[in-house]
Amino acid sequence: GFATDDEEHAVGLRCVASVIFDEYAEPIAALSISGPTARISMDRLME
């Protein structure tokens, strides 16, 4: 139910993201939570 970015876009950055859907159950946007790898461990990434 969510995607991850483990330093794939920028070194030192991790993020998670999930989709926002419209009335037709089509993806219209996505929300992400992101931060430095120093604070976002792999365990915290899943949380």
ModelCIF file with pLDDT and N, C-alpha, C, O atoms, coordinates in Angstrom:
data_MODEL
#
_entry.id   MODEL 
#
_entity.id                         1 
_entity.type                       polymer 
_entity.pdbx_number_of_molecules   1 
#
_entity_poly.entity_id                      1 
_entity_poly.type                           'polypeptide(L)' 
_entity_poly.nstd_linkage                   no 
_entity_poly.nstd_monomer                   no 
_entity_poly.pdbx_seq_one_letter_code       GFATDDEEHAVGLRCVASVIFDEYAEPIAALSISGPTARISMDRLME 
_entity_poly.pdbx_seq_one_letter_code_can   GFATDDEEHAVGLRCVASVIFDEYAEPIAALSISGPTARISMDRLME 
_entity_poly.pdbx_strand_id                 A 
#
loop_
_entity_poly_seq.entity_id 
_entity_poly_seq.num 
_entity_poly_seq.mon_id 
_entity_poly_seq.hetero 
1 1  GLY n 
1 2  PHE n 
1 3  ALA n 
1 4  THR n 
1 5  ASP n 
1 6  ASP n 
1 7  GLU n 
1 8  GLU n 
1 9  HIS n 
1 10 ALA n 
1 11 VAL n 
1 12 GLY n 
1 13 LEU n 
1 14 ARG n 
1 15 CYS n 
1 16 VAL n 
1 17 ALA n 
1 18 SER n 
1 19 VAL n 
1 20 ILE n 
1 21 PHE n 
1 22 ASP n 
1 23 GLU n 
1 24 TYR n 
1 25 ALA n 
1 26 GLU n 
1 27 PRO n 
1 28 ILE n 
1 29 ALA n 
1 30 ALA n 
1 31 LEU n 
1 32 SER n 
1 33 ILE n 
1 34 SER n 
1 35 GLY n 
1 36 PRO n 
1 37 THR n 
1 38 ALA n 
1 39 ARG n 
1 40 ILE n 
1 41 SER n 
1 42 MET n 
1 43 ASP n 
1 44 ARG n 
1 45 LEU n 
1 46 MET n 
1 47 GLU n 
#
_struct_asym.id          A 
_struct_asym.entity_id   1 
#
loop_
_ma_qa_metric.id 
_ma_qa_metric.mode 
_ma_qa_metric.name 
_ma_qa_metric.software_group_id 
_ma_qa_metric.type 
1 global pLDDT . pLDDT 
2 local  pLDDT . pLDDT 
#
_ma_qa_metric_global.metric_id      1 
_ma_qa_metric_global.metric_value   94.98 
_ma_qa_metric_global.model_id       1 
_ma_qa_metric_global.ordinal_id     1 
#
loop_
_ma_qa_metric_local.label_asym_id 
_ma_qa_metric_local.label_comp_id 
_ma_qa_metric_local.label_seq_id 
_ma_qa_metric_local.metric_id 
_ma_qa_metric_local.metric_value 
_ma_qa_metric_local.model_id 
_ma_qa_metric_local.ordinal_id 
A GLY 1  2 95.00 1 1  
A PHE 2  2 97.00 1 2  
A ALA 3  2 97.00 1 3  
A THR 4  2 96.00 1 4  
A ASP 5  2 96.00 1 5  
A ASP 6  2 95.00 1 6  
A GLU 7  2 95.00 1 7  
A GLU 8  2 95.00 1 8  
A HIS 9  2 94.00 1 9  
A ALA 10 2 94.00 1 10 
A VAL 11 2 95.00 1 11 
A GLY 12 2 94.00 1 12 
A LEU 13 2 94.00 1 13 
A ARG 14 2 95.00 1 14 
A CYS 15 2 96.00 1 15 
A VAL 16 2 97.00 1 16 
A ALA 17 2 98.00 1 17 
A SER 18 2 98.00 1 18 
A VAL 19 2 97.00 1 19 
A ILE 20 2 97.00 1 20 
A PHE 21 2 97.00 1 21 
A ASP 22 2 95.00 1 22 
A GLU 23 2 96.00 1 23 
A TYR 24 2 94.00 1 24 
A ALA 25 2 94.00 1 25 
A GLU 26 2 93.00 1 26 
A PRO 27 2 94.00 1 27 
A ILE 28 2 94.00 1 28 
A ALA 29 2 97.00 1 29 
A ALA 30 2 98.00 1 30 
A LEU 31 2 97.00 1 31 
A SER 32 2 97.00 1 32 
A ILE 33 2 97.00 1 33 
A SER 34 2 96.00 1 34 
A GLY 35 2 95.00 1 35 
A PRO 36 2 95.00 1 36 
A THR 37 2 94.00 1 37 
A ALA 38 2 93.00 1 38 
A ARG 39 2 94.00 1 39 
A ILE 40 2 94.00 1 40 
A SER 41 2 93.00 1 41 
A MET 42 2 89.00 1 42 
A ASP 43 2 90.00 1 43 
A ARG 44 2 94.00 1 44 
A LEU 45 2 92.00 1 45 
A MET 46 2 92.00 1 46 
A GLU 47 2 95.00 1 47 
#
loop_
_atom_site.group_PDB 
_atom_site.id 
_atom_site.type_symbol 
_atom_site.label_atom_id 
_atom_site.label_alt_id 
_atom_site.label_comp_id 
_atom_site.label_asym_id 
_atom_site.label_entity_id 
_atom_site.label_seq_id 
_atom_site.pdbx_PDB_ins_code 
_atom_site.Cartn_x 
_atom_site.Cartn_y 
_atom_site.Cartn_z 
_atom_site.occupancy 
_atom_site.B_iso_or_equiv 
_atom_site.pdbx_formal_charge 
_atom_site.auth_seq_id 
_atom_site.auth_comp_id 
_atom_site.auth_asym_id 
_atom_site.auth_atom_id 
_atom_site.pdbx_PDB_model_num 
ATOM 1   N N  . GLY A 1 1  ? 0.775   -1.240 0.000   1.00 95.00 ? 1  GLY A N  1 
ATOM 2   C CA . GLY A 1 1  ? 0.000   0.000  0.000   1.00 95.00 ? 1  GLY A CA 1 
ATOM 3   C C  . GLY A 1 1  ? 0.802   1.284  0.000   1.00 95.00 ? 1  GLY A C  1 
ATOM 4   O O  . GLY A 1 1  ? 0.225   2.364  0.124   1.00 95.00 ? 1  GLY A O  1 
ATOM 5   N N  . PHE A 1 2  ? 2.105   1.201  -0.135  1.00 97.00 ? 2  PHE A N  1 
ATOM 6   C CA . PHE A 1 2  ? 2.935   2.407  -0.227  1.00 97.00 ? 2  PHE A CA 1 
ATOM 7   C C  . PHE A 1 2  ? 4.245   2.084  -0.931  1.00 97.00 ? 2  PHE A C  1 
ATOM 8   O O  . PHE A 1 2  ? 4.722   0.949  -0.923  1.00 97.00 ? 2  PHE A O  1 
ATOM 9   N N  . ALA A 1 3  ? 4.812   3.127  -1.541  1.00 97.00 ? 3  ALA A N  1 
ATOM 10  C CA . ALA A 1 3  ? 6.085   3.009  -2.258  1.00 97.00 ? 3  ALA A CA 1 
ATOM 11  C C  . ALA A 1 3  ? 7.194   3.626  -1.414  1.00 97.00 ? 3  ALA A C  1 
ATOM 12  O O  . ALA A 1 3  ? 6.934   4.412  -0.503  1.00 97.00 ? 3  ALA A O  1 
ATOM 13  N N  . THR A 1 4  ? 8.432   3.260  -1.729  1.00 96.00 ? 4  THR A N  1 
ATOM 14  C CA . THR A 1 4  ? 9.579   3.819  -1.018  1.00 96.00 ? 4  THR A CA 1 
ATOM 15  C C  . THR A 1 4  ? 10.598  4.374  -2.003  1.00 96.00 ? 4  THR A C  1 
ATOM 16  O O  . THR A 1 4  ? 10.640  3.984  -3.170  1.00 96.00 ? 4  THR A O  1 
ATOM 17  N N  . ASP A 1 5  ? 11.404  5.282  -1.511  1.00 96.00 ? 5  ASP A N  1 
ATOM 18  C CA . ASP A 1 5  ? 12.550  5.813  -2.240  1.00 96.00 ? 5  ASP A CA 1 
ATOM 19  C C  . ASP A 1 5  ? 13.712  5.777  -1.252  1.00 96.00 ? 5  ASP A C  1 
ATOM 20  O O  . ASP A 1 5  ? 13.759  6.562  -0.304  1.00 96.00 ? 5  ASP A O  1 
ATOM 21  N N  . ASP A 1 6  ? 14.641  4.864  -1.483  1.00 95.00 ? 6  ASP A N  1 
ATOM 22  C CA . ASP A 1 6  ? 15.799  4.709  -0.602  1.00 95.00 ? 6  ASP A CA 1 
ATOM 23  C C  . ASP A 1 6  ? 17.032  5.275  -1.308  1.00 95.00 ? 6  ASP A C  1 
ATOM 24  O O  . ASP A 1 6  ? 17.829  4.532  -1.880  1.00 95.00 ? 6  ASP A O  1 
ATOM 25  N N  . GLU A 1 7  ? 17.173  6.578  -1.261  1.00 95.00 ? 7  GLU A N  1 
ATOM 26  C CA . GLU A 1 7  ? 18.286  7.291  -1.887  1.00 95.00 ? 7  GLU A CA 1 
ATOM 27  C C  . GLU A 1 7  ? 18.344  7.092  -3.404  1.00 95.00 ? 7  GLU A C  1 
ATOM 28  O O  . GLU A 1 7  ? 19.430  7.106  -3.985  1.00 95.00 ? 7  GLU A O  1 
ATOM 29  N N  . GLU A 1 8  ? 17.205  6.910  -4.041  1.00 95.00 ? 8  GLU A N  1 
ATOM 30  C CA . GLU A 1 8  ? 17.155  6.707  -5.490  1.00 95.00 ? 8  GLU A CA 1 
ATOM 31  C C  . GLU A 1 8  ? 17.090  8.025  -6.243  1.00 95.00 ? 8  GLU A C  1 
ATOM 32  O O  . GLU A 1 8  ? 17.546  8.124  -7.382  1.00 95.00 ? 8  GLU A O  1 
ATOM 33  N N  . HIS A 1 9  ? 16.521  9.035  -5.601  1.00 94.00 ? 9  HIS A N  1 
ATOM 34  C CA . HIS A 1 9  ? 16.416  10.354 -6.218  1.00 94.00 ? 9  HIS A CA 1 
ATOM 35  C C  . HIS A 1 9  ? 17.527  11.286 -5.737  1.00 94.00 ? 9  HIS A C  1 
ATOM 36  O O  . HIS A 1 9  ? 18.070  12.068 -6.518  1.00 94.00 ? 9  HIS A O  1 
ATOM 37  N N  . ALA A 1 10 ? 17.859  11.200 -4.449  1.00 94.00 ? 10 ALA A N  1 
ATOM 38  C CA . ALA A 1 10 ? 18.918  12.049 -3.889  1.00 94.00 ? 10 ALA A CA 1 
ATOM 39  C C  . ALA A 1 10 ? 19.651  11.284 -2.790  1.00 94.00 ? 10 ALA A C  1 
ATOM 40  O O  . ALA A 1 10 ? 19.025  10.624 -1.961  1.00 94.00 ? 10 ALA A O  1 
ATOM 41  N N  . VAL A 1 11 ? 20.960  11.374 -2.790  1.00 95.00 ? 11 VAL A N  1 
ATOM 42  C CA . VAL A 1 11 ? 21.779  10.715 -1.776  1.00 95.00 ? 11 VAL A CA 1 
ATOM 43  C C  . VAL A 1 11 ? 21.432  11.289 -0.405  1.00 95.00 ? 11 VAL A C  1 
ATOM 44  O O  . VAL A 1 11 ? 21.338  12.504 -0.231  1.00 95.00 ? 11 VAL A O  1 
ATOM 45  N N  . GLY A 1 12 ? 21.243  10.387 0.568   1.00 94.00 ? 12 GLY A N  1 
ATOM 46  C CA . GLY A 1 12 ? 20.952  10.814 1.934   1.00 94.00 ? 12 GLY A CA 1 
ATOM 47  C C  . GLY A 1 12 ? 19.478  11.036 2.222   1.00 94.00 ? 12 GLY A C  1 
ATOM 48  O O  . GLY A 1 12 ? 19.120  11.458 3.322   1.00 94.00 ? 12 GLY A O  1 
ATOM 49  N N  . LEU A 1 13 ? 18.618  10.756 1.250   1.00 94.00 ? 13 LEU A N  1 
ATOM 50  C CA . LEU A 1 13 ? 17.180  10.989 1.397   1.00 94.00 ? 13 LEU A CA 1 
ATOM 51  C C  . LEU A 1 13 ? 16.400  9.687  1.281   1.00 94.00 ? 13 LEU A C  1 
ATOM 52  O O  . LEU A 1 13 ? 16.626  8.895  0.367   1.00 94.00 ? 13 LEU A O  1 
ATOM 53  N N  . ARG A 1 14 ? 15.482  9.475  2.216   1.00 95.00 ? 14 ARG A N  1 
ATOM 54  C CA . ARG A 1 14 ? 14.534  8.354  2.115   1.00 95.00 ? 14 ARG A CA 1 
ATOM 55  C C  . ARG A 1 14 ? 13.130  8.925  2.189   1.00 95.00 ? 14 ARG A C  1 
ATOM 56  O O  . ARG A 1 14 ? 12.890  9.943  2.837   1.00 95.00 ? 14 ARG A O  1 
ATOM 57  N N  . CYS A 1 15 ? 12.216  8.260  1.522   1.00 96.00 ? 15 CYS A N  1 
ATOM 58  C CA . CYS A 1 15 ? 10.823  8.677  1.638   1.00 96.00 ? 15 CYS A CA 1 
ATOM 59  C C  . CYS A 1 15 ? 9.885   7.511  1.370   1.00 96.00 ? 15 CYS A C  1 
ATOM 60  O O  . CYS A 1 15 ? 10.251  6.500  0.770   1.00 96.00 ? 15 CYS A O  1 
ATOM 61  N N  . VAL A 1 16 ? 8.663   7.697  1.840   1.00 97.00 ? 16 VAL A N  1 
ATOM 62  C CA . VAL A 1 16 ? 7.568   6.767  1.581   1.00 97.00 ? 16 VAL A CA 1 
ATOM 63  C C  . VAL A 1 16 ? 6.444   7.571  0.951   1.00 97.00 ? 16 VAL A C  1 
ATOM 64  O O  . VAL A 1 16 ? 6.338   8.775  1.183   1.00 97.00 ? 16 VAL A O  1 
ATOM 65  N N  . ALA A 1 17 ? 5.613   6.926  0.165   1.00 98.00 ? 17 ALA A N  1 
ATOM 66  C CA . ALA A 1 17 ? 4.529   7.647  -0.488  1.00 98.00 ? 17 ALA A CA 1 
ATOM 67  C C  . ALA A 1 17 ? 3.345   6.725  -0.740  1.00 98.00 ? 17 ALA A C  1 
ATOM 68  O O  . ALA A 1 17 ? 3.494   5.521  -0.946  1.00 98.00 ? 17 ALA A O  1 
ATOM 69  N N  . SER A 1 18 ? 2.177   7.328  -0.716  1.00 98.00 ? 18 SER A N  1 
ATOM 70  C CA . SER A 1 18 ? 0.948   6.598  -0.994  1.00 98.00 ? 18 SER A CA 1 
ATOM 71  C C  . SER A 1 18 ? 0.043   7.476  -1.859  1.00 98.00 ? 18 SER A C  1 
ATOM 72  O O  . SER A 1 18 ? 0.201   8.695  -1.916  1.00 98.00 ? 18 SER A O  1 
ATOM 73  N N  . VAL A 1 19 ? -0.897  6.832  -2.522  1.00 97.00 ? 19 VAL A N  1 
ATOM 74  C CA . VAL A 1 19 ? -1.721  7.484  -3.533  1.00 97.00 ? 19 VAL A CA 1 
ATOM 75  C C  . VAL A 1 19 ? -3.016  8.047  -2.966  1.00 97.00 ? 19 VAL A C  1 
ATOM 76  O O  . VAL A 1 19 ? -3.600  7.505  -2.028  1.00 97.00 ? 19 VAL A O  1 
ATOM 77  N N  . ILE A 1 20 ? -3.440  9.148  -3.563  1.00 97.00 ? 20 ILE A N  1 
ATOM 78  C CA . ILE A 1 20 ? -4.753  9.741  -3.322  1.00 97.00 ? 20 ILE A CA 1 
ATOM 79  C C  . ILE A 1 20 ? -5.574  9.458  -4.574  1.00 97.00 ? 20 ILE A C  1 
ATOM 80  O O  . ILE A 1 20 ? -5.122  9.702  -5.693  1.00 97.00 ? 20 ILE A O  1 
ATOM 81  N N  . PHE A 1 21 ? -6.785  8.940  -4.375  1.00 97.00 ? 21 PHE A N  1 
ATOM 82  C CA . PHE A 1 21 ? -7.643  8.529  -5.496  1.00 97.00 ? 21 PHE A CA 1 
ATOM 83  C C  . PHE A 1 21 ? -8.821  9.469  -5.683  1.00 97.00 ? 21 PHE A C  1 
ATOM 84  O O  . PHE A 1 21 ? -9.275  10.115 -4.739  1.00 97.00 ? 21 PHE A O  1 
ATOM 85  N N  . ASP A 1 22 ? -9.314  9.538  -6.927  1.00 95.00 ? 22 ASP A N  1 
ATOM 86  C CA . ASP A 1 22 ? -10.510 10.315 -7.224  1.00 95.00 ? 22 ASP A CA 1 
ATOM 87  C C  . ASP A 1 22 ? -11.767 9.448  -7.080  1.00 95.00 ? 22 ASP A C  1 
ATOM 88  O O  . ASP A 1 22 ? -11.698 8.310  -6.614  1.00 95.00 ? 22 ASP A O  1 
ATOM 89  N N  . GLU A 1 23 ? -12.889 9.990  -7.479  1.00 96.00 ? 23 GLU A N  1 
ATOM 90  C CA . GLU A 1 23 ? -14.177 9.289  -7.334  1.00 96.00 ? 23 GLU A CA 1 
ATOM 91  C C  . GLU A 1 23 ? -14.289 8.051  -8.226  1.00 96.00 ? 23 GLU A C  1 
ATOM 92  O O  . GLU A 1 23 ? -15.189 7.235  -8.029  1.00 96.00 ? 23 GLU A O  1 
ATOM 93  N N  . TYR A 1 24 ? -13.397 7.899  -9.194  1.00 94.00 ? 24 TYR A N  1 
ATOM 94  C CA . TYR A 1 24 ? -13.392 6.733  -10.076 1.00 94.00 ? 24 TYR A CA 1 
ATOM 95  C C  . TYR A 1 24 ? -12.326 5.712  -9.678  1.00 94.00 ? 24 TYR A C  1 
ATOM 96  O O  . TYR A 1 24 ? -12.052 4.772  -10.425 1.00 94.00 ? 24 TYR A O  1 
ATOM 97  N N  . ALA A 1 25 ? -11.729 5.898  -8.507  1.00 94.00 ? 25 ALA A N  1 
ATOM 98  C CA . ALA A 1 25 ? -10.658 5.044  -7.982  1.00 94.00 ? 25 ALA A CA 1 
ATOM 99  C C  . ALA A 1 25 ? -9.406  5.109  -8.857  1.00 94.00 ? 25 ALA A C  1 
ATOM 100 O O  . ALA A 1 25 ? -8.648  4.143  -8.949  1.00 94.00 ? 25 ALA A O  1 
ATOM 101 N N  . GLU A 1 26 ? -9.200  6.273  -9.505  1.00 93.00 ? 26 GLU A N  1 
ATOM 102 C CA . GLU A 1 26 ? -8.014  6.527  -10.314 1.00 93.00 ? 26 GLU A CA 1 
ATOM 103 C C  . GLU A 1 26 ? -7.029  7.372  -9.490  1.00 93.00 ? 26 GLU A C  1 
ATOM 104 O O  . GLU A 1 26 ? -7.458  8.243  -8.733  1.00 93.00 ? 26 GLU A O  1 
ATOM 105 N N  . PRO A 1 27 ? -5.734  7.132  -9.626  1.00 94.00 ? 27 PRO A N  1 
ATOM 106 C CA . PRO A 1 27 ? -4.764  7.941  -8.880  1.00 94.00 ? 27 PRO A CA 1 
ATOM 107 C C  . PRO A 1 27 ? -4.739  9.381  -9.395  1.00 94.00 ? 27 PRO A C  1 
ATOM 108 O O  . PRO A 1 27 ? -4.583  9.613  -10.594 1.00 94.00 ? 27 PRO A O  1 
ATOM 109 N N  . ILE A 1 28 ? -4.894  10.356 -8.477  1.00 94.00 ? 28 ILE A N  1 
ATOM 110 C CA . ILE A 1 28 ? -4.854  11.762 -8.893  1.00 94.00 ? 28 ILE A CA 1 
ATOM 111 C C  . ILE A 1 28 ? -3.646  12.495 -8.309  1.00 94.00 ? 28 ILE A C  1 
ATOM 112 O O  . ILE A 1 28 ? -3.232  13.534 -8.823  1.00 94.00 ? 28 ILE A O  1 
ATOM 113 N N  . ALA A 1 29 ? -3.091  11.948 -7.239  1.00 97.00 ? 29 ALA A N  1 
ATOM 114 C CA . ALA A 1 29 ? -1.944  12.585 -6.587  1.00 97.00 ? 29 ALA A CA 1 
ATOM 115 C C  . ALA A 1 29 ? -1.297  11.565 -5.660  1.00 97.00 ? 29 ALA A C  1 
ATOM 116 O O  . ALA A 1 29 ? -1.803  10.459 -5.470  1.00 97.00 ? 29 ALA A O  1 
ATOM 117 N N  . ALA A 1 30 ? -0.172  11.964 -5.093  1.00 98.00 ? 30 ALA A N  1 
ATOM 118 C CA . ALA A 1 30 ? 0.473   11.122 -4.085  1.00 98.00 ? 30 ALA A CA 1 
ATOM 119 C C  . ALA A 1 30 ? 1.013   12.020 -2.984  1.00 98.00 ? 30 ALA A C  1 
ATOM 120 O O  . ALA A 1 30 ? 1.414   13.161 -3.214  1.00 98.00 ? 30 ALA A O  1 
ATOM 121 N N  . LEU A 1 31 ? 1.009   11.465 -1.784  1.00 97.00 ? 31 LEU A N  1 
ATOM 122 C CA . LEU A 1 31 ? 1.530   12.144 -0.602  1.00 97.00 ? 31 LEU A CA 1 
ATOM 123 C C  . LEU A 1 31 ? 2.785   11.404 -0.164  1.00 97.00 ? 31 LEU A C  1 
ATOM 124 O O  . LEU A 1 31 ? 2.802   10.174 -0.136  1.00 97.00 ? 31 LEU A O  1 
ATOM 125 N N  . SER A 1 32 ? 3.833   12.143 0.178   1.00 97.00 ? 32 SER A N  1 
ATOM 126 C CA . SER A 1 32 ? 5.040   11.481 0.666   1.00 97.00 ? 32 SER A CA 1 
ATOM 127 C C  . SER A 1 32 ? 5.482   12.076 1.994   1.00 97.00 ? 32 SER A C  1 
ATOM 128 O O  . SER A 1 32 ? 5.199   13.230 2.316   1.00 97.00 ? 32 SER A O  1 
ATOM 129 N N  . ILE A 1 33 ? 6.183   11.247 2.749   1.00 97.00 ? 33 ILE A N  1 
ATOM 130 C CA . ILE A 1 33 ? 6.837   11.659 3.985   1.00 97.00 ? 33 ILE A CA 1 
ATOM 131 C C  . ILE A 1 33 ? 8.318   11.396 3.741   1.00 97.00 ? 33 ILE A C  1 
ATOM 132 O O  . ILE A 1 33 ? 8.710   10.269 3.440   1.00 97.00 ? 33 ILE A O  1 
ATOM 133 N N  . SER A 1 34 ? 9.139   12.435 3.872   1.00 96.00 ? 34 SER A N  1 
ATOM 134 C CA . SER A 1 34 ? 10.549  12.262 3.537   1.00 96.00 ? 34 SER A CA 1 
ATOM 135 C C  . SER A 1 34 ? 11.463  12.941 4.542   1.00 96.00 ? 34 SER A C  1 
ATOM 136 O O  . SER A 1 34 ? 11.092  13.898 5.222   1.00 96.00 ? 34 SER A O  1 
ATOM 137 N N  . GLY A 1 35 ? 12.683  12.398 4.604   1.00 95.00 ? 35 GLY A N  1 
ATOM 138 C CA . GLY A 1 35 ? 13.675  12.954 5.508   1.00 95.00 ? 35 GLY A CA 1 
ATOM 139 C C  . GLY A 1 35 ? 15.034  12.334 5.269   1.00 95.00 ? 35 GLY A C  1 
ATOM 140 O O  . GLY A 1 35 ? 15.190  11.468 4.409   1.00 95.00 ? 35 GLY A O  1 
ATOM 141 N N  . PRO A 1 36 ? 16.013  12.778 6.032   1.00 95.00 ? 36 PRO A N  1 
ATOM 142 C CA . PRO A 1 36 ? 17.365  12.264 5.866   1.00 95.00 ? 36 PRO A CA 1 
ATOM 143 C C  . PRO A 1 36 ? 17.507  10.832 6.377   1.00 95.00 ? 36 PRO A C  1 
ATOM 144 O O  . PRO A 1 36 ? 16.814  10.423 7.309   1.00 95.00 ? 36 PRO A O  1 
ATOM 145 N N  . THR A 1 37 ? 18.405  10.083 5.762   1.00 94.00 ? 37 THR A N  1 
ATOM 146 C CA . THR A 1 37 ? 18.636  8.695  6.174   1.00 94.00 ? 37 THR A CA 1 
ATOM 147 C C  . THR A 1 37 ? 19.115  8.615  7.619   1.00 94.00 ? 37 THR A C  1 
ATOM 148 O O  . THR A 1 37 ? 18.937  7.585  8.269   1.00 94.00 ? 37 THR A O  1 
ATOM 149 N N  . ALA A 1 38 ? 19.715  9.680  8.130   1.00 93.00 ? 38 ALA A N  1 
ATOM 150 C CA . ALA A 1 38 ? 20.173  9.694  9.526   1.00 93.00 ? 38 ALA A CA 1 
ATOM 151 C C  . ALA A 1 38 ? 19.007  9.537  10.507  1.00 93.00 ? 38 ALA A C  1 
ATOM 152 O O  . ALA A 1 38 ? 19.187  9.014  11.607  1.00 93.00 ? 38 ALA A O  1 
ATOM 153 N N  . ARG A 1 39 ? 17.804  9.992  10.107  1.00 94.00 ? 39 ARG A N  1 
ATOM 154 C CA . ARG A 1 39 ? 16.628  9.874  10.975  1.00 94.00 ? 39 ARG A CA 1 
ATOM 155 C C  . ARG A 1 39 ? 15.671  8.774  10.529  1.00 94.00 ? 39 ARG A C  1 
ATOM 156 O O  . ARG A 1 39 ? 14.917  8.225  11.332  1.00 94.00 ? 39 ARG A O  1 
ATOM 157 N N  . ILE A 1 40 ? 15.713  8.463  9.246   1.00 94.00 ? 40 ILE A N  1 
ATOM 158 C CA . ILE A 1 40 ? 14.746  7.481  8.731   1.00 94.00 ? 40 ILE A CA 1 
ATOM 159 C C  . ILE A 1 40 ? 15.476  6.175  8.439   1.00 94.00 ? 40 ILE A C  1 
ATOM 160 O O  . ILE A 1 40 ? 15.997  5.963  7.344   1.00 94.00 ? 40 ILE A O  1 
ATOM 161 N N  . SER A 1 41 ? 15.501  5.311  9.444   1.00 93.00 ? 41 SER A N  1 
ATOM 162 C CA . SER A 1 41 ? 16.063  3.967  9.286   1.00 93.00 ? 41 SER A CA 1 
ATOM 163 C C  . SER A 1 41 ? 15.105  3.155  8.425   1.00 93.00 ? 41 SER A C  1 
ATOM 164 O O  . SER A 1 41 ? 13.996  3.604  8.135   1.00 93.00 ? 41 SER A O  1 
ATOM 165 N N  . MET A 1 42 ? 15.521  1.981  8.023   1.00 89.00 ? 42 MET A N  1 
ATOM 166 C CA . MET A 1 42 ? 14.634  1.116  7.230   1.00 89.00 ? 42 MET A CA 1 
ATOM 167 C C  . MET A 1 42 ? 13.408  0.713  8.049   1.00 89.00 ? 42 MET A C  1 
ATOM 168 O O  . MET A 1 42 ? 12.308  0.625  7.505   1.00 89.00 ? 42 MET A O  1 
ATOM 169 N N  . ASP A 1 43 ? 13.583  0.465  9.358   1.00 90.00 ? 43 ASP A N  1 
ATOM 170 C CA . ASP A 1 43 ? 12.431  0.136  10.210  1.00 90.00 ? 43 ASP A CA 1 
ATOM 171 C C  . ASP A 1 43 ? 11.457  1.306  10.276  1.00 90.00 ? 43 ASP A C  1 
ATOM 172 O O  . ASP A 1 43 ? 10.245  1.128  10.152  1.00 90.00 ? 43 ASP A O  1 
ATOM 173 N N  . ARG A 1 44 ? 11.997  2.493  10.470  1.00 94.00 ? 44 ARG A N  1 
ATOM 174 C CA . ARG A 1 44 ? 11.132  3.678  10.549  1.00 94.00 ? 44 ARG A CA 1 
ATOM 175 C C  . ARG A 1 44 ? 10.479  3.958  9.204   1.00 94.00 ? 44 ARG A C  1 
ATOM 176 O O  . ARG A 1 44 ? 9.366   4.480  9.154   1.00 94.00 ? 44 ARG A O  1 
ATOM 177 N N  . LEU A 1 45 ? 11.156  3.619  8.119   1.00 92.00 ? 45 LEU A N  1 
ATOM 178 C CA . LEU A 1 45 ? 10.588  3.804  6.786   1.00 92.00 ? 45 LEU A CA 1 
ATOM 179 C C  . LEU A 1 45 ? 9.279   3.028  6.664   1.00 92.00 ? 45 LEU A C  1 
ATOM 180 O O  . LEU A 1 45 ? 8.303   3.532  6.108   1.00 92.00 ? 45 LEU A O  1 
ATOM 181 N N  . MET A 1 46 ? 9.261   1.806  7.183   1.00 92.00 ? 46 MET A N  1 
ATOM 182 C CA . MET A 1 46 ? 8.046   0.989  7.114   1.00 92.00 ? 46 MET A CA 1 
ATOM 183 C C  . MET A 1 46 ? 6.938   1.583  8.003   1.00 92.00 ? 46 MET A C  1 
ATOM 184 O O  . MET A 1 46 ? 5.766   1.582  7.626   1.00 92.00 ? 46 MET A O  1 
ATOM 185 N N  . GLU A 1 47 ? 7.313   2.081  9.164   1.00 95.00 ? 47 GLU A N  1 
ATOM 186 C CA . GLU A 1 47 ? 6.340   2.728  10.066  1.00 95.00 ? 47 GLU A CA 1 
ATOM 187 C C  . GLU A 1 47 ? 5.740   3.970  9.396   1.00 95.00 ? 47 GLU A C  1 
ATOM 188 O O  . GLU A 1 47 ? 4.903   4.649  9.991   1.00 95.00 ? 47 GLU A O  1 
#
